[in-house]
Amino acid sequence: MSLKAFHIIFVIFSTLLALGVGAWCVWVNLVDGAPVYLAGAVASFASAVALVIYGVWFYRKMKRLRIIT
C-alpha cells in the first residue's frame, strides 16, 4: 500500500471517527442535558466537514499530478 493510499484511508477513518464522536456527543447531551457535549458535537461535525473537504482536495491534487489513476 502506498503512502498516498494510506493517507486517503486515514482521512476516511478520521472522518468516520469524527462523525461517531459527534453522534455520541449529541446522544449524551440528550440523555444528560449537559450543554458542553453540544459544543463537542458541533466541533466534531465541523471537523468531519473539514476532513471531507481536505480529502476531496487531496484526491484531486493527486489526480491532477497523475499520482493516483
PDB file of N, CA and C in Angstrom:
ATOM      1  N   MET A   1       0.848  -1.161   0.000  1.00  0.00           N
ATOM      2  CA  MET A   1       0.000   0.000   0.000  1.00  0.00           C
ATOM      3  C   MET A   1       0.902   1.235   0.000  1.00  0.00           C
ATOM      4  N   SER A   2       0.607   2.158  -0.885  1.00  0.00           N
ATOM      5  CA  SER A   2       1.413   3.361  -0.980  1.00  0.00           C
ATOM      6  C   SER A   2       1.047   4.336   0.137  1.00  0.00           C
ATOM      7  N   LEU A   3       1.900   5.296   0.340  1.00  0.00           N
ATOM      8  CA  LEU A   3       1.676   6.306   1.364  1.00  0.00           C
ATOM      9  C   LEU A   3       0.463   7.162   1.027  1.00  0.00           C
ATOM     10  N   LYS A   4       0.248   7.408  -0.252  1.00  0.00           N
ATOM     11  CA  LYS A   4      -0.901   8.215  -0.661  1.00  0.00           C
ATOM     12  C   LYS A   4      -2.214   7.481  -0.400  1.00  0.00           C
ATOM     13  N   ALA A   5      -2.249   6.192  -0.677  1.00  0.00           N
ATOM     14  CA  ALA A   5      -3.450   5.405  -0.405  1.00  0.00           C
ATOM     15  C   ALA A   5      -3.710   5.330   1.095  1.00  0.00           C
ATOM     16  N   PHE A   6      -2.648   5.149   1.870  1.00  0.00           N
ATOM     17  CA  PHE A   6      -2.799   5.142   3.318  1.00  0.00           C
ATOM     18  C   PHE A   6      -3.340   6.475   3.812  1.00  0.00           C
ATOM     19  N   HIS A   7      -2.883   7.567   3.219  1.00  0.00           N
ATOM     20  CA  HIS A   7      -3.340   8.901   3.610  1.00  0.00           C
ATOM     21  C   HIS A   7      -4.841   9.052   3.358  1.00  0.00           C
ATOM     22  N   ILE A   8      -5.299   8.601   2.204  1.00  0.00           N
ATOM     23  CA  ILE A   8      -6.721   8.698   1.882  1.00  0.00           C
ATOM     24  C   ILE A   8      -7.541   7.833   2.837  1.00  0.00           C
ATOM     25  N   ILE A   9      -7.093   6.630   3.119  1.00  0.00           N
ATOM     26  CA  ILE A   9      -7.803   5.748   4.052  1.00  0.00           C
ATOM     27  C   ILE A   9      -7.819   6.346   5.452  1.00  0.00           C
ATOM     28  N   PHE A  10      -6.709   6.942   5.872  1.00  0.00           N
ATOM     29  CA  PHE A  10      -6.641   7.576   7.182  1.00  0.00           C
ATOM     30  C   PHE A  10      -7.622   8.741   7.280  1.00  0.00           C
ATOM     31  N   VAL A  11      -7.746   9.527   6.230  1.00  0.00           N
ATOM     32  CA  VAL A  11      -8.692  10.642   6.232  1.00  0.00           C
ATOM     33  C   VAL A  11     -10.125  10.115   6.303  1.00  0.00           C
ATOM     34  N   ILE A  12     -10.413   9.038   5.605  1.00  0.00           N
ATOM     35  CA  ILE A  12     -11.760   8.446   5.647  1.00  0.00           C
ATOM     36  C   ILE A  12     -12.087   7.955   7.056  1.00  0.00           C
ATOM     37  N   PHE A  13     -11.156   7.210   7.676  1.00  0.00           N
ATOM     38  CA  PHE A  13     -11.410   6.721   9.029  1.00  0.00           C
ATOM     39  C   PHE A  13     -11.499   7.860  10.037  1.00  0.00           C
ATOM     40  N   SER A  14     -10.709   8.903   9.854  1.00  0.00           N
ATOM     41  CA  SER A  14     -10.778  10.055  10.747  1.00  0.00           C
ATOM     42  C   SER A  14     -12.124  10.761  10.626  1.00  0.00           C
ATOM     43  N   THR A  15     -12.645  10.844   9.410  1.00  0.00           N
ATOM     44  CA  THR A  15     -13.961  11.443   9.193  1.00  0.00           C
ATOM     45  C   THR A  15     -15.046  10.618   9.870  1.00  0.00           C
ATOM     46  N   LEU A  16     -14.975   9.308   9.716  1.00  0.00           N
ATOM     47  CA  LEU A  16     -15.962   8.436  10.368  1.00  0.00           C
ATOM     48  C   LEU A  16     -15.870   8.544  11.886  1.00  0.00           C
ATOM     49  N   LEU A  17     -14.672   8.635  12.409  1.00  0.00           N
ATOM     50  CA  LEU A  17     -14.499   8.790  13.852  1.00  0.00           C
ATOM     51  C   LEU A  17     -15.084  10.114  14.332  1.00  0.00           C
ATOM     52  N   ALA A  18     -14.846  11.184  13.595  1.00  0.00           N
ATOM     53  CA  ALA A  18     -15.401  12.490  13.975  1.00  0.00           C
ATOM     54  C   ALA A  18     -16.929  12.461  13.950  1.00  0.00           C
ATOM     55  N   LEU A  19     -17.502  11.797  12.952  1.00  0.00           N
ATOM     56  CA  LEU A  19     -18.963  11.672  12.899  1.00  0.00           C
ATOM     57  C   LEU A  19     -19.495  10.846  14.071  1.00  0.00           C
ATOM     58  N   GLY A  20     -18.787   9.773  14.406  1.00  0.00           N
ATOM     59  CA  GLY A  20     -19.201   8.942  15.538  1.00  0.00           C
ATOM     60  C   GLY A  20     -19.125   9.686  16.862  1.00  0.00           C
ATOM     61  N   VAL A  21     -18.046  10.434  17.063  1.00  0.00           N
ATOM     62  CA  VAL A  21     -17.908  11.213  18.302  1.00  0.00           C
ATOM     63  C   VAL A  21     -18.986  12.290  18.356  1.00  0.00           C
ATOM     64  N   GLY A  22     -19.279  12.911  17.216  1.00  0.00           N
ATOM     65  CA  GLY A  22     -20.344  13.919  17.176  1.00  0.00           C
ATOM     66  C   GLY A  22     -21.700  13.329  17.526  1.00  0.00           C
ATOM     67  N   ALA A  23     -22.003  12.155  16.971  1.00  0.00           N
ATOM     68  CA  ALA A  23     -23.271  11.494  17.289  1.00  0.00           C
ATOM     69  C   ALA A  23     -23.327  11.106  18.767  1.00  0.00           C
ATOM     70  N   TRP A  24     -22.214  10.624  19.300  1.00  0.00           N
ATOM     71  CA  TRP A  24     -22.164  10.276  20.725  1.00  0.00           C
ATOM     72  C   TRP A  24     -22.386  11.512  21.597  1.00  0.00           C
ATOM     73  N   CYS A  25     -21.782  12.627  21.216  1.00  0.00           N
ATOM     74  CA  CYS A  25     -21.958  13.867  21.987  1.00  0.00           C
ATOM     75  C   CYS A  25     -23.413  14.336  21.958  1.00  0.00           C
ATOM     76  N   VAL A  26     -24.062  14.206  20.808  1.00  0.00           N
ATOM     77  CA  VAL A  26     -25.482  14.574  20.723  1.00  0.00           C
ATOM     78  C   VAL A  26     -26.304  13.669  21.626  1.00  0.00           C
ATOM     79  N   TRP A  27     -26.013  12.373  21.612  1.00  0.00           N
ATOM     80  CA  TRP A  27     -26.760  11.423  22.442  1.00  0.00           C
ATOM     81  C   TRP A  27     -26.571  11.731  23.926  1.00  0.00           C
ATOM     82  N   VAL A  28     -25.336  11.985  24.347  1.00  0.00           N
ATOM     83  CA  VAL A  28     -25.082  12.299  25.755  1.00  0.00           C
ATOM     84  C   VAL A  28     -25.770  13.597  26.133  1.00  0.00           C
ATOM     85  N   ASN A  29     -25.793  14.571  25.234  1.00  0.00           N
ATOM     86  CA  ASN A  29     -26.485  15.823  25.521  1.00  0.00           C
ATOM     87  C   ASN A  29     -27.982  15.600  25.707  1.00  0.00           C
ATOM     88  N   LEU A  30     -28.559  14.723  24.906  1.00  0.00           N
ATOM     89  CA  LEU A  30     -29.989  14.441  25.038  1.00  0.00           C
ATOM     90  C   LEU A  30     -30.298  13.677  26.326  1.00  0.00           C
ATOM     91  N   VAL A  31     -29.412  12.787  26.734  1.00  0.00           N
ATOM     92  CA  VAL A  31     -29.639  11.977  27.926  1.00  0.00           C
ATOM     93  C   VAL A  31     -29.385  12.784  29.198  1.00  0.00           C
ATOM     94  N   ASP A  32     -28.223  13.454  29.254  1.00  0.00           N
ATOM     95  CA  ASP A  32     -27.834  14.164  30.473  1.00  0.00           C
ATOM     96  C   ASP A  32     -28.211  15.637  30.464  1.00  0.00           C
ATOM     97  N   GLY A  33     -28.359  16.216  29.315  1.00  0.00           N
ATOM     98  CA  GLY A  33     -28.691  17.632  29.232  1.00  0.00           C
ATOM     99  C   GLY A  33     -27.514  18.547  29.525  1.00  0.00           C
ATOM    100  N   ALA A  34     -26.306  18.048  29.342  1.00  0.00           N
ATOM    101  CA  ALA A  34     -25.110  18.863  29.574  1.00  0.00           C
ATOM    102  C   ALA A  34     -24.759  19.594  28.282  1.00  0.00           C
ATOM    103  N   PRO A  35     -24.841  20.921  28.279  1.00  0.00           N
ATOM    104  CA  PRO A  35     -24.621  21.660  27.030  1.00  0.00           C
ATOM    105  C   PRO A  35     -23.183  21.612  26.514  1.00  0.00           C
ATOM    106  N   VAL A  36     -22.232  21.228  27.373  1.00  0.00           N
ATOM    107  CA  VAL A  36     -20.846  21.146  26.902  1.00  0.00           C
ATOM    108  C   VAL A  36     -20.706  20.059  25.834  1.00  0.00           C
ATOM    109  N   TYR A  37     -21.526  19.028  25.890  1.00  0.00           N
ATOM    110  CA  TYR A  37     -21.485  17.974  24.875  1.00  0.00           C
ATOM    111  C   TYR A  37     -22.029  18.473  23.538  1.00  0.00           C
ATOM    112  N   LEU A  38     -22.941  19.429  23.583  1.00  0.00           N
ATOM    113  CA  LEU A  38     -23.436  20.013  22.340  1.00  0.00           C
ATOM    114  C   LEU A  38     -22.313  20.768  21.631  1.00  0.00           C
ATOM    115  N   ALA A  39     -21.477  21.448  22.394  1.00  0.00           N
ATOM    116  CA  ALA A  39     -20.320  22.129  21.801  1.00  0.00           C
ATOM    117  C   ALA A  39     -19.348  21.108  21.213  1.00  0.00           C
ATOM    118  N   GLY A  40     -19.171  19.996  21.893  1.00  0.00           N
ATOM    119  CA  GLY A  40     -18.324  18.930  21.362  1.00  0.00           C
ATOM    120  C   GLY A  40     -18.880  18.348  20.072  1.00  0.00           C
ATOM    121  N   ALA A  41     -20.207  18.224  20.016  1.00  0.00           N
ATOM    122  CA  ALA A  41     -20.843  17.705  18.806  1.00  0.00           C
ATOM    123  C   ALA A  41     -20.632  18.659  17.638  1.00  0.00           C
ATOM    124  N   VAL A  42     -20.807  19.947  17.893  1.00  0.00           N
ATOM    125  CA  VAL A  42     -20.612  20.936  16.830  1.00  0.00           C
ATOM    126  C   VAL A  42     -19.161  20.902  16.339  1.00  0.00           C
ATOM    127  N   ALA A  43     -18.217  20.832  17.273  1.00  0.00           N
ATOM    128  CA  ALA A  43     -16.800  20.777  16.893  1.00  0.00           C
ATOM    129  C   ALA A  43     -16.491  19.496  16.114  1.00  0.00           C
ATOM    130  N   SER A  44     -17.068  18.378  16.521  1.00  0.00           N
ATOM    131  CA  SER A  44     -16.824  17.114  15.824  1.00  0.00           C
ATOM    132  C   SER A  44     -17.405  17.129  14.416  1.00  0.00           C
ATOM    133  N   PHE A  45     -18.612  17.638  14.272  1.00  0.00           N
ATOM    134  CA  PHE A  45     -19.214  17.696  12.944  1.00  0.00           C
ATOM    135  C   PHE A  45     -18.477  18.692  12.045  1.00  0.00           C
ATOM    136  N   ALA A  46     -18.001  19.791  12.615  1.00  0.00           N
ATOM    137  CA  ALA A  46     -17.210  20.745  11.832  1.00  0.00           C
ATOM    138  C   ALA A  46     -15.895  20.106  11.391  1.00  0.00           C
ATOM    139  N   SER A  47     -15.297  19.320  12.265  1.00  0.00           N
ATOM    140  CA  SER A  47     -14.063  18.610  11.906  1.00  0.00           C
ATOM    141  C   SER A  47     -14.325  17.599  10.793  1.00  0.00           C
ATOM    142  N   ALA A  48     -15.460  16.914  10.861  1.00  0.00           N
ATOM    143  CA  ALA A  48     -15.794  15.945   9.818  1.00  0.00           C
ATOM    144  C   ALA A  48     -15.970  16.638   8.468  1.00  0.00           C
ATOM    145  N   VAL A  49     -16.619  17.787   8.463  1.00  0.00           N
ATOM    146  CA  VAL A  49     -16.794  18.533   7.212  1.00  0.00           C
ATOM    147  C   VAL A  49     -15.432  18.983   6.676  1.00  0.00           C
ATOM    148  N   ALA A  50     -14.583  19.487   7.565  1.00  0.00           N
ATOM    149  CA  ALA A  50     -13.249  19.922   7.150  1.00  0.00           C
ATOM    150  C   ALA A  50     -12.433  18.747   6.602  1.00  0.00           C
ATOM    151  N   LEU A  51     -12.558  17.585   7.208  1.00  0.00           N
ATOM    152  CA  LEU A  51     -11.838  16.407   6.725  1.00  0.00           C
ATOM    153  C   LEU A  51     -12.336  15.965   5.355  1.00  0.00           C
ATOM    154  N   VAL A  52     -13.630  16.062   5.117  1.00  0.00           N
ATOM    155  CA  VAL A  52     -14.173  15.709   3.800  1.00  0.00           C
ATOM    156  C   VAL A  52     -13.633  16.671   2.748  1.00  0.00           C
ATOM    157  N   ILE A  53     -13.649  17.964   3.071  1.00  0.00           N
ATOM    158  CA  ILE A  53     -13.135  18.962   2.130  1.00  0.00           C
ATOM    159  C   ILE A  53     -11.651  18.709   1.855  1.00  0.00           C
ATOM    160  N   TYR A  54     -10.890  18.434   2.899  1.00  0.00           N
ATOM    161  CA  TYR A  54      -9.467  18.163   2.726  1.00  0.00           C
ATOM    162  C   TYR A  54      -9.244  16.884   1.909  1.00  0.00           C
ATOM    163  N   GLY A  55     -10.021  15.849   2.177  1.00  0.00           N
ATOM    164  CA  GLY A  55      -9.877  14.596   1.446  1.00  0.00           C
ATOM    165  C   GLY A  55     -10.147  14.769  -0.041  1.00  0.00           C
ATOM    166  N   VAL A  56     -11.190  15.516  -0.377  1.00  0.00           N
ATOM    167  CA  VAL A  56     -11.502  15.773  -1.784  1.00  0.00           C
ATOM    168  C   VAL A  56     -10.390  16.592  -2.421  1.00  0.00           C
ATOM    169  N   TRP A  57      -9.902  17.604  -1.705  1.00  0.00           N
ATOM    170  CA  TRP A  57      -8.807  18.422  -2.221  1.00  0.00           C
ATOM    171  C   TRP A  57      -7.563  17.572  -2.472  1.00  0.00           C
ATOM    172  N   PHE A  58      -7.211  16.720  -1.523  1.00  0.00           N
ATOM    173  CA  PHE A  58      -6.029  15.875  -1.663  1.00  0.00           C
ATOM    174  C   PHE A  58      -6.171  14.914  -2.837  1.00  0.00           C
ATOM    175  N   TYR A  59      -7.342  14.291  -2.958  1.00  0.00           N
ATOM    176  CA  TYR A  59      -7.557  13.340  -4.049  1.00  0.00           C
ATOM    177  C   TYR A  59      -7.449  14.032  -5.405  1.00  0.00           C
ATOM    178  N   ARG A  60      -8.062  15.210  -5.521  1.00  0.00           N
ATOM    179  CA  ARG A  60      -7.986  15.942  -6.786  1.00  0.00           C
ATOM    180  C   ARG A  60      -6.557  16.365  -7.109  1.00  0.00           C
ATOM    181  N   LYS A  61      -5.811  16.758  -6.087  1.00  0.00           N
ATOM    182  CA  LYS A  61      -4.427  17.153  -6.312  1.00  0.00           C
ATOM    183  C   LYS A  61      -3.604  15.961  -6.800  1.00  0.00           C
ATOM    184  N   MET A  62      -3.788  14.799  -6.177  1.00  0.00           N
ATOM    185  CA  MET A  62      -3.054  13.613  -6.606  1.00  0.00           C
ATOM    186  C   MET A  62      -3.468  13.189  -8.014  1.00  0.00           C
ATOM    187  N   LYS A  63      -4.739  13.353  -8.345  1.00  0.00           N
ATOM    188  CA  LYS A  63      -5.212  13.002  -9.681  1.00  0.00           C
ATOM    189  C   LYS A  63      -4.649  13.978 -10.710  1.00  0.00           C
ATOM    190  N   ARG A  64      -4.582  15.268 -10.337  1.00  0.00           N
ATOM    191  CA  ARG A  64      -4.042  16.268 -11.249  1.00  0.00           C
ATOM    192  C   ARG A  64      -2.552  16.032 -11.513  1.00  0.00           C
ATOM    193  N   LEU A  65      -1.839  15.604 -10.478  1.00  0.00           N
ATOM    194  CA  LEU A  65      -0.419  15.313 -10.626  1.00  0.00           C
ATOM    195  C   LEU A  65      -0.169  13.925 -11.242  1.00  0.00           C
ATOM    196  N   ARG A  66      -1.255  13.217 -11.538  1.00  0.00           N
ATOM    197  CA  ARG A  66      -1.219  11.871 -12.132  1.00  0.00           C
ATOM    198  C   ARG A  66      -0.493  10.867 -11.243  1.00  0.00           C
ATOM    199  N   ILE A  67      -0.643  11.062  -9.950  1.00  0.00           N
ATOM    200  CA  ILE A  67      -0.064  10.112  -8.995  1.00  0.00           C
ATOM    201  C   ILE A  67      -1.076   9.009  -8.697  1.00  0.00           C
ATOM    202  N   ILE A  68      -2.355   9.375  -8.684  1.00  0.00           N
ATOM    203  CA  ILE A  68      -3.434   8.399  -8.486  1.00  0.00           C
ATOM    204  C   ILE A  68      -4.185   8.283  -9.806  1.00  0.00           C
ATOM    205  N   THR A  69      -4.374   7.068 -10.280  1.00  0.00           N
ATOM    206  CA  THR A  69      -5.057   6.885 -11.562  1.00  0.00           C
ATOM    207  C   THR A  69      -6.504   6.549 -11.374  1.00  0.00           C
TER     208      THR A  69
END
